[in-house]
Structure formats: C-alpha cells, structure tokens
Amino acid sequence: MSKEDEDRRTLDEIYAAFFSGDLDRWLSFWTEESIIWEAESLPYGGTYRGLEQIKKLAEKMGSLWTDLNLEIHEILGSDERLMAYGTWNGTGQKTGKRVTFPFAEMWVLKDGKVIEVVPIYSDTALINSVLM
C-alpha cells in the first residue's frame, strides 16, 4: 500500500471520528507537534499547536455551530499531502442562521498522525455573519 493510500485511510478514520462526535478518537490522530492554521478573521482563527490547543479549537468550534455537517466530495493527493474538497453545512449557535458553502482542507500526515491542516474557506465574511 502506498503512503497516499495509507494517508487516505487515516483521513477517512479522522473524518469518521469527527462526524460521529467521538472527540477522544478524533484526538488520537493528533500529537504535540500537530498544527492547524485557521483563518485569522474567524472567531476561532489562529494557529493551534499540540493536543491541548487543538482540543480547545474543537470545543470552541463546537460551541459556535449547531447541526454541523461536512460533506466530503473528493480527496485528491500525493504521498506528501491530501486535499479534501467538500460542502460545509451548519447553523450558527448565536444567530440561528444556516449556511452552506464550499471548503477545502489541506492535510499532511505521517505514520497515521496529523502533522498539519490548513482549512480553506470560500467566504469568511459569510461565516462570520452566521456566527456573530
């Protein structure tokens, strides 16, 4: 099995844990060296490093969204990185507004663990209008 195939299998497991709400399982794919780069303009924007910060990010996002559902349409990649493309659907907890928009995530994995994730949102102003 190629590294790309292994990484795709791991990414499927990461998304399955996320979608099922199994935070402990989801966190098992992250290490103290893992990094997530969120758009600075979002209420949860910033750079998150290590398990504790990544857990806080997940909790913060969970407190801002209800009915969150990410539909993954396609995963493209190589041995170096994977790009997941899909549709984000969710309701802002504070506003009650529902939104749907395209998004992508760039993933770097090594030995079944996340090294780096960069979410790419189509419209952060739209996201903020739903969250704040």
N, C-alpha and C. Protein backbone atom coordinates (compact mmCIF):
# COMPACT_ATOMS: atom_id res chain seq x y z
N MET A 1 0.85 -1.18 0.00
CA MET A 1 0.00 0.00 0.00
C MET A 1 0.89 1.24 0.00
N SER A 2 0.57 2.20 -0.85
CA SER A 2 1.36 3.43 -0.93
C SER A 2 1.09 4.32 0.28
N LYS A 3 1.97 5.28 0.51
CA LYS A 3 1.76 6.24 1.59
C LYS A 3 0.47 7.01 1.36
N GLU A 4 0.22 7.39 0.10
CA GLU A 4 -1.02 8.11 -0.20
C GLU A 4 -2.24 7.28 0.19
N ASP A 5 -2.24 6.00 -0.12
CA ASP A 5 -3.36 5.13 0.25
C ASP A 5 -3.51 5.03 1.76
N GLU A 6 -2.39 4.89 2.46
CA GLU A 6 -2.43 4.84 3.93
C GLU A 6 -2.97 6.14 4.50
N ASP A 7 -2.51 7.27 3.96
CA ASP A 7 -2.98 8.57 4.44
C ASP A 7 -4.47 8.76 4.17
N ARG A 8 -4.94 8.29 3.01
CA ARG A 8 -6.38 8.40 2.70
C ARG A 8 -7.20 7.57 3.69
N ARG A 9 -6.72 6.40 4.03
CA ARG A 9 -7.42 5.57 5.00
C ARG A 9 -7.45 6.26 6.37
N THR A 10 -6.32 6.85 6.77
CA THR A 10 -6.27 7.58 8.04
C THR A 10 -7.22 8.77 8.01
N LEU A 11 -7.24 9.52 6.91
CA LEU A 11 -8.12 10.68 6.81
C LEU A 11 -9.58 10.25 6.88
N ASP A 12 -9.93 9.14 6.26
CA ASP A 12 -11.30 8.62 6.38
C ASP A 12 -11.65 8.34 7.84
N GLU A 13 -10.69 7.78 8.59
CA GLU A 13 -10.91 7.49 10.01
C GLU A 13 -11.04 8.78 10.82
N ILE A 14 -10.25 9.79 10.49
CA ILE A 14 -10.32 11.08 11.18
C ILE A 14 -11.70 11.70 10.97
N TYR A 15 -12.16 11.73 9.72
CA TYR A 15 -13.48 12.29 9.43
C TYR A 15 -14.58 11.47 10.09
N ALA A 16 -14.46 10.15 10.10
CA ALA A 16 -15.49 9.30 10.72
C ALA A 16 -15.59 9.60 12.21
N ALA A 17 -14.46 9.76 12.89
CA ALA A 17 -14.47 10.10 14.32
C ALA A 17 -15.10 11.47 14.54
N PHE A 18 -14.76 12.43 13.68
CA PHE A 18 -15.30 13.78 13.80
C PHE A 18 -16.82 13.75 13.62
N PHE A 19 -17.28 13.11 12.55
CA PHE A 19 -18.71 13.09 12.24
C PHE A 19 -19.53 12.34 13.28
N SER A 20 -18.92 11.36 13.93
CA SER A 20 -19.64 10.59 14.95
C SER A 20 -19.61 11.29 16.32
N GLY A 21 -18.85 12.38 16.42
CA GLY A 21 -18.76 13.10 17.69
C GLY A 21 -17.83 12.45 18.70
N ASP A 22 -16.98 11.53 18.25
CA ASP A 22 -16.06 10.82 19.14
C ASP A 22 -14.77 11.64 19.28
N LEU A 23 -14.80 12.62 20.18
CA LEU A 23 -13.67 13.53 20.35
C LEU A 23 -12.40 12.79 20.77
N ASP A 24 -12.51 11.79 21.64
CA ASP A 24 -11.33 11.05 22.08
C ASP A 24 -10.67 10.33 20.90
N ARG A 25 -11.47 9.69 20.08
CA ARG A 25 -10.94 9.00 18.89
C ARG A 25 -10.32 10.02 17.93
N TRP A 26 -11.04 11.14 17.70
CA TRP A 26 -10.53 12.18 16.81
C TRP A 26 -9.20 12.71 17.31
N LEU A 27 -9.09 12.97 18.60
CA LEU A 27 -7.84 13.48 19.18
C LEU A 27 -6.69 12.48 19.10
N SER A 28 -7.00 11.19 18.98
CA SER A 28 -5.94 10.18 18.93
C SER A 28 -5.09 10.29 17.66
N PHE A 29 -5.54 11.05 16.67
CA PHE A 29 -4.79 11.23 15.43
C PHE A 29 -3.85 12.44 15.48
N TRP A 30 -3.88 13.18 16.59
CA TRP A 30 -3.10 14.40 16.73
C TRP A 30 -1.97 14.17 17.73
N THR A 31 -0.90 14.96 17.61
CA THR A 31 0.24 14.87 18.53
C THR A 31 0.58 16.27 19.04
N GLU A 32 1.56 16.34 19.89
CA GLU A 32 2.03 17.64 20.39
C GLU A 32 2.67 18.48 19.28
N GLU A 33 3.03 17.85 18.18
CA GLU A 33 3.63 18.57 17.06
C GLU A 33 2.61 18.97 15.99
N SER A 34 1.37 18.52 16.11
CA SER A 34 0.34 18.82 15.11
C SER A 34 0.00 20.31 15.11
N ILE A 35 -0.33 20.82 13.91
CA ILE A 35 -0.67 22.24 13.74
C ILE A 35 -1.92 22.37 12.88
N ILE A 36 -2.83 23.25 13.30
CA ILE A 36 -3.97 23.66 12.46
C ILE A 36 -3.87 25.16 12.29
N TRP A 37 -3.98 25.60 11.05
CA TRP A 37 -3.94 27.03 10.71
C TRP A 37 -5.36 27.46 10.34
N GLU A 38 -6.04 28.17 11.21
CA GLU A 38 -7.39 28.68 10.93
C GLU A 38 -7.30 30.14 10.48
N ALA A 39 -8.18 30.55 9.59
CA ALA A 39 -8.20 31.92 9.08
C ALA A 39 -8.32 32.89 10.25
N GLU A 40 -7.43 33.87 10.29
CA GLU A 40 -7.38 34.84 11.39
C GLU A 40 -8.68 35.62 11.56
N SER A 41 -9.44 35.81 10.49
CA SER A 41 -10.66 36.61 10.55
C SER A 41 -11.82 35.90 11.22
N LEU A 42 -11.69 34.61 11.49
CA LEU A 42 -12.78 33.85 12.12
C LEU A 42 -12.71 33.96 13.64
N PRO A 43 -13.83 33.75 14.35
CA PRO A 43 -13.82 33.83 15.81
C PRO A 43 -12.90 32.79 16.45
N TYR A 44 -12.58 31.74 15.72
CA TYR A 44 -11.66 30.72 16.21
C TYR A 44 -10.37 30.73 15.38
N GLY A 45 -10.06 31.88 14.79
CA GLY A 45 -8.87 31.99 13.95
C GLY A 45 -7.59 31.91 14.76
N GLY A 46 -6.54 31.50 14.09
CA GLY A 46 -5.23 31.44 14.72
C GLY A 46 -4.51 30.15 14.40
N THR A 47 -3.36 30.00 15.00
CA THR A 47 -2.54 28.80 14.84
C THR A 47 -2.66 27.97 16.11
N TYR A 48 -3.02 26.71 15.96
CA TYR A 48 -3.22 25.81 17.09
C TYR A 48 -2.18 24.69 17.00
N ARG A 49 -1.37 24.56 18.06
CA ARG A 49 -0.30 23.55 18.10
C ARG A 49 -0.50 22.65 19.31
N GLY A 50 -0.37 21.37 19.07
CA GLY A 50 -0.42 20.42 20.16
C GLY A 50 -1.82 20.03 20.57
N LEU A 51 -1.92 18.95 21.31
CA LEU A 51 -3.20 18.35 21.67
C LEU A 51 -4.12 19.29 22.44
N GLU A 52 -3.60 19.99 23.42
CA GLU A 52 -4.46 20.84 24.25
C GLU A 52 -5.07 21.97 23.44
N GLN A 53 -4.26 22.64 22.62
CA GLN A 53 -4.79 23.73 21.80
C GLN A 53 -5.78 23.23 20.75
N ILE A 54 -5.48 22.08 20.15
CA ILE A 54 -6.37 21.53 19.13
C ILE A 54 -7.70 21.09 19.75
N LYS A 55 -7.64 20.54 20.95
CA LYS A 55 -8.87 20.20 21.65
C LYS A 55 -9.69 21.45 21.95
N LYS A 56 -9.02 22.53 22.38
CA LYS A 56 -9.73 23.79 22.65
C LYS A 56 -10.36 24.35 21.37
N LEU A 57 -9.66 24.22 20.25
CA LEU A 57 -10.23 24.65 18.97
C LEU A 57 -11.50 23.87 18.65
N ALA A 58 -11.46 22.56 18.80
CA ALA A 58 -12.64 21.74 18.53
C ALA A 58 -13.80 22.12 19.44
N GLU A 59 -13.51 22.36 20.71
CA GLU A 59 -14.56 22.76 21.64
C GLU A 59 -15.12 24.13 21.30
N LYS A 60 -14.25 25.07 20.91
CA LYS A 60 -14.68 26.42 20.54
C LYS A 60 -15.59 26.35 19.30
N MET A 61 -15.15 25.61 18.28
CA MET A 61 -15.97 25.47 17.08
C MET A 61 -17.30 24.81 17.42
N GLY A 62 -17.26 23.81 18.27
CA GLY A 62 -18.49 23.12 18.67
C GLY A 62 -19.46 24.03 19.40
N SER A 63 -18.92 25.04 20.10
CA SER A 63 -19.80 25.97 20.82
C SER A 63 -20.41 27.02 19.90
N LEU A 64 -19.84 27.19 18.72
CA LEU A 64 -20.31 28.22 17.78
C LEU A 64 -21.28 27.67 16.72
N TRP A 65 -21.19 26.38 16.45
CA TRP A 65 -22.00 25.76 15.40
C TRP A 65 -22.98 24.75 15.98
N THR A 66 -24.14 24.62 15.36
CA THR A 66 -25.04 23.51 15.62
C THR A 66 -25.33 22.85 14.27
N ASP A 67 -25.76 21.64 14.31
CA ASP A 67 -26.09 20.90 13.08
C ASP A 67 -24.95 20.93 12.07
N LEU A 68 -23.72 20.92 12.55
CA LEU A 68 -22.57 20.99 11.64
C LEU A 68 -22.44 19.68 10.87
N ASN A 69 -22.31 19.78 9.56
CA ASN A 69 -22.15 18.62 8.71
C ASN A 69 -21.22 18.99 7.56
N LEU A 70 -20.13 18.28 7.45
CA LEU A 70 -19.21 18.49 6.34
C LEU A 70 -19.37 17.32 5.38
N GLU A 71 -19.74 17.63 4.17
CA GLU A 71 -19.89 16.59 3.15
C GLU A 71 -18.63 16.60 2.29
N ILE A 72 -17.87 15.52 2.35
CA ILE A 72 -16.63 15.43 1.59
C ILE A 72 -16.96 14.86 0.21
N HIS A 73 -16.67 15.64 -0.83
CA HIS A 73 -16.97 15.22 -2.20
C HIS A 73 -15.82 14.45 -2.82
N GLU A 74 -14.59 14.87 -2.49
CA GLU A 74 -13.44 14.27 -3.15
C GLU A 74 -12.19 14.51 -2.32
N ILE A 75 -11.29 13.55 -2.37
CA ILE A 75 -9.97 13.71 -1.76
C ILE A 75 -8.94 13.45 -2.85
N LEU A 76 -8.09 14.43 -3.05
CA LEU A 76 -7.02 14.34 -4.03
C LEU A 76 -5.70 14.38 -3.30
N GLY A 77 -4.65 13.79 -3.88
CA GLY A 77 -3.40 13.91 -3.16
C GLY A 77 -2.22 13.21 -3.76
N SER A 78 -1.22 13.14 -2.93
CA SER A 78 0.06 12.51 -3.26
C SER A 78 0.62 11.95 -1.95
N ASP A 79 1.84 11.46 -2.02
CA ASP A 79 2.48 10.97 -0.80
C ASP A 79 2.79 12.11 0.17
N GLU A 80 2.86 13.36 -0.32
CA GLU A 80 3.20 14.50 0.54
C GLU A 80 2.00 15.08 1.27
N ARG A 81 0.84 15.18 0.57
CA ARG A 81 -0.32 15.82 1.18
C ARG A 81 -1.60 15.37 0.49
N LEU A 82 -2.69 15.57 1.22
CA LEU A 82 -4.03 15.30 0.68
C LEU A 82 -4.83 16.59 0.72
N MET A 83 -5.72 16.74 -0.25
CA MET A 83 -6.64 17.88 -0.28
C MET A 83 -8.05 17.30 -0.31
N ALA A 84 -8.82 17.63 0.72
CA ALA A 84 -10.22 17.22 0.79
C ALA A 84 -11.07 18.40 0.36
N TYR A 85 -12.02 18.15 -0.53
CA TYR A 85 -12.92 19.20 -1.02
C TYR A 85 -14.34 18.80 -0.67
N GLY A 86 -15.13 19.77 -0.20
CA GLY A 86 -16.50 19.42 0.14
C GLY A 86 -17.39 20.62 0.36
N THR A 87 -18.52 20.34 1.00
CA THR A 87 -19.51 21.36 1.32
C THR A 87 -19.71 21.39 2.82
N TRP A 88 -19.66 22.58 3.39
CA TRP A 88 -19.85 22.82 4.81
C TRP A 88 -21.29 23.26 5.01
N ASN A 89 -21.98 22.60 5.91
CA ASN A 89 -23.36 22.95 6.26
C ASN A 89 -23.43 23.10 7.77
N GLY A 90 -23.99 24.21 8.22
CA GLY A 90 -24.11 24.38 9.66
C GLY A 90 -24.97 25.58 10.01
N THR A 91 -25.34 25.63 11.27
CA THR A 91 -26.15 26.71 11.80
C THR A 91 -25.37 27.41 12.89
N GLY A 92 -25.34 28.72 12.84
CA GLY A 92 -24.67 29.49 13.88
C GLY A 92 -25.43 29.37 15.19
N GLN A 93 -24.76 28.97 16.25
CA GLN A 93 -25.39 28.80 17.56
C GLN A 93 -26.03 30.10 18.03
N LYS A 94 -25.34 31.21 17.87
CA LYS A 94 -25.80 32.50 18.38
C LYS A 94 -26.91 33.11 17.52
N THR A 95 -26.80 33.00 16.19
CA THR A 95 -27.73 33.68 15.29
C THR A 95 -28.89 32.81 14.82
N GLY A 96 -28.68 31.48 14.84
CA GLY A 96 -29.70 30.58 14.30
C GLY A 96 -29.73 30.56 12.78
N LYS A 97 -28.79 31.27 12.14
CA LYS A 97 -28.72 31.29 10.68
C LYS A 97 -28.02 30.04 10.17
N ARG A 98 -28.55 29.51 9.06
CA ARG A 98 -27.97 28.32 8.43
C ARG A 98 -27.14 28.76 7.22
N VAL A 99 -26.05 28.07 6.97
CA VAL A 99 -25.17 28.40 5.86
C VAL A 99 -24.66 27.12 5.19
N THR A 100 -24.45 27.24 3.91
CA THR A 100 -23.82 26.18 3.12
C THR A 100 -22.78 26.85 2.23
N PHE A 101 -21.55 26.31 2.24
CA PHE A 101 -20.51 26.89 1.39
C PHE A 101 -19.45 25.83 1.08
N PRO A 102 -18.74 26.01 -0.04
CA PRO A 102 -17.66 25.08 -0.37
C PRO A 102 -16.44 25.35 0.51
N PHE A 103 -15.69 24.30 0.79
CA PHE A 103 -14.46 24.45 1.56
C PHE A 103 -13.48 23.37 1.12
N ALA A 104 -12.24 23.54 1.51
CA ALA A 104 -11.22 22.53 1.27
C ALA A 104 -10.32 22.48 2.51
N GLU A 105 -9.64 21.37 2.67
CA GLU A 105 -8.66 21.23 3.74
C GLU A 105 -7.43 20.53 3.18
N MET A 106 -6.27 21.12 3.44
CA MET A 106 -5.02 20.51 3.05
C MET A 106 -4.46 19.78 4.28
N TRP A 107 -4.18 18.49 4.12
CA TRP A 107 -3.71 17.65 5.22
C TRP A 107 -2.31 17.12 4.92
N VAL A 108 -1.44 17.14 5.93
CA VAL A 108 -0.15 16.46 5.88
C VAL A 108 -0.17 15.45 7.03
N LEU A 109 0.06 14.19 6.69
CA LEU A 109 0.03 13.11 7.67
C LEU A 109 1.35 12.35 7.64
N LYS A 110 1.70 11.77 8.78
CA LYS A 110 2.90 10.94 8.86
C LYS A 110 2.66 9.85 9.89
N ASP A 111 2.86 8.61 9.49
CA ASP A 111 2.71 7.47 10.38
C ASP A 111 1.35 7.45 11.08
N GLY A 112 0.30 7.80 10.33
CA GLY A 112 -1.05 7.75 10.87
C GLY A 112 -1.42 8.90 11.80
N LYS A 113 -0.60 9.93 11.84
CA LYS A 113 -0.85 11.09 12.70
C LYS A 113 -0.86 12.35 11.85
N VAL A 114 -1.58 13.36 12.34
CA VAL A 114 -1.68 14.63 11.63
C VAL A 114 -0.44 15.47 11.95
N ILE A 115 0.18 15.98 10.89
CA ILE A 115 1.29 16.92 11.03
C ILE A 115 0.75 18.34 10.91
N GLU A 116 -0.09 18.57 9.88
CA GLU A 116 -0.56 19.92 9.61
C GLU A 116 -1.89 19.87 8.87
N VAL A 117 -2.77 20.83 9.19
CA VAL A 117 -4.03 21.02 8.47
C VAL A 117 -4.21 22.50 8.19
N VAL A 118 -4.58 22.80 6.95
CA VAL A 118 -4.90 24.18 6.57
C VAL A 118 -6.30 24.17 5.95
N PRO A 119 -7.32 24.62 6.70
CA PRO A 119 -8.66 24.77 6.12
C PRO A 119 -8.68 25.98 5.18
N ILE A 120 -9.40 25.83 4.08
CA ILE A 120 -9.52 26.91 3.10
C ILE A 120 -11.01 27.16 2.90
N TYR A 121 -11.47 28.32 3.36
CA TYR A 121 -12.89 28.67 3.31
C TYR A 121 -13.15 29.59 2.13
N SER A 122 -14.30 29.43 1.51
CA SER A 122 -14.62 30.26 0.35
C SER A 122 -15.00 31.69 0.73
N ASP A 123 -15.56 31.89 1.93
CA ASP A 123 -16.05 33.22 2.28
C ASP A 123 -16.11 33.37 3.80
N THR A 124 -15.04 33.89 4.41
CA THR A 124 -15.03 34.02 5.87
C THR A 124 -16.00 35.10 6.35
N ALA A 125 -16.29 36.10 5.52
CA ALA A 125 -17.29 37.11 5.90
C ALA A 125 -18.66 36.46 6.05
N LEU A 126 -19.01 35.55 5.17
CA LEU A 126 -20.27 34.82 5.27
C LEU A 126 -20.29 34.00 6.56
N ILE A 127 -19.20 33.30 6.86
CA ILE A 127 -19.13 32.51 8.08
C ILE A 127 -19.35 33.40 9.30
N ASN A 128 -18.65 34.53 9.34
CA ASN A 128 -18.79 35.45 10.48
C ASN A 128 -20.21 35.98 10.60
N SER A 129 -20.90 36.22 9.48
CA SER A 129 -22.27 36.73 9.55
C SER A 129 -23.23 35.70 10.16
N VAL A 130 -22.85 34.44 10.09
CA VAL A 130 -23.66 33.36 10.67
C VAL A 130 -23.29 33.12 12.13
N LEU A 131 -22.04 33.35 12.48
CA LEU A 131 -21.57 33.04 13.83
C LEU A 131 -21.71 34.20 14.82
N MET A 132 -21.76 35.44 14.34
CA MET A 132 -21.72 36.56 15.28
C MET A 132 -22.95 37.45 15.19
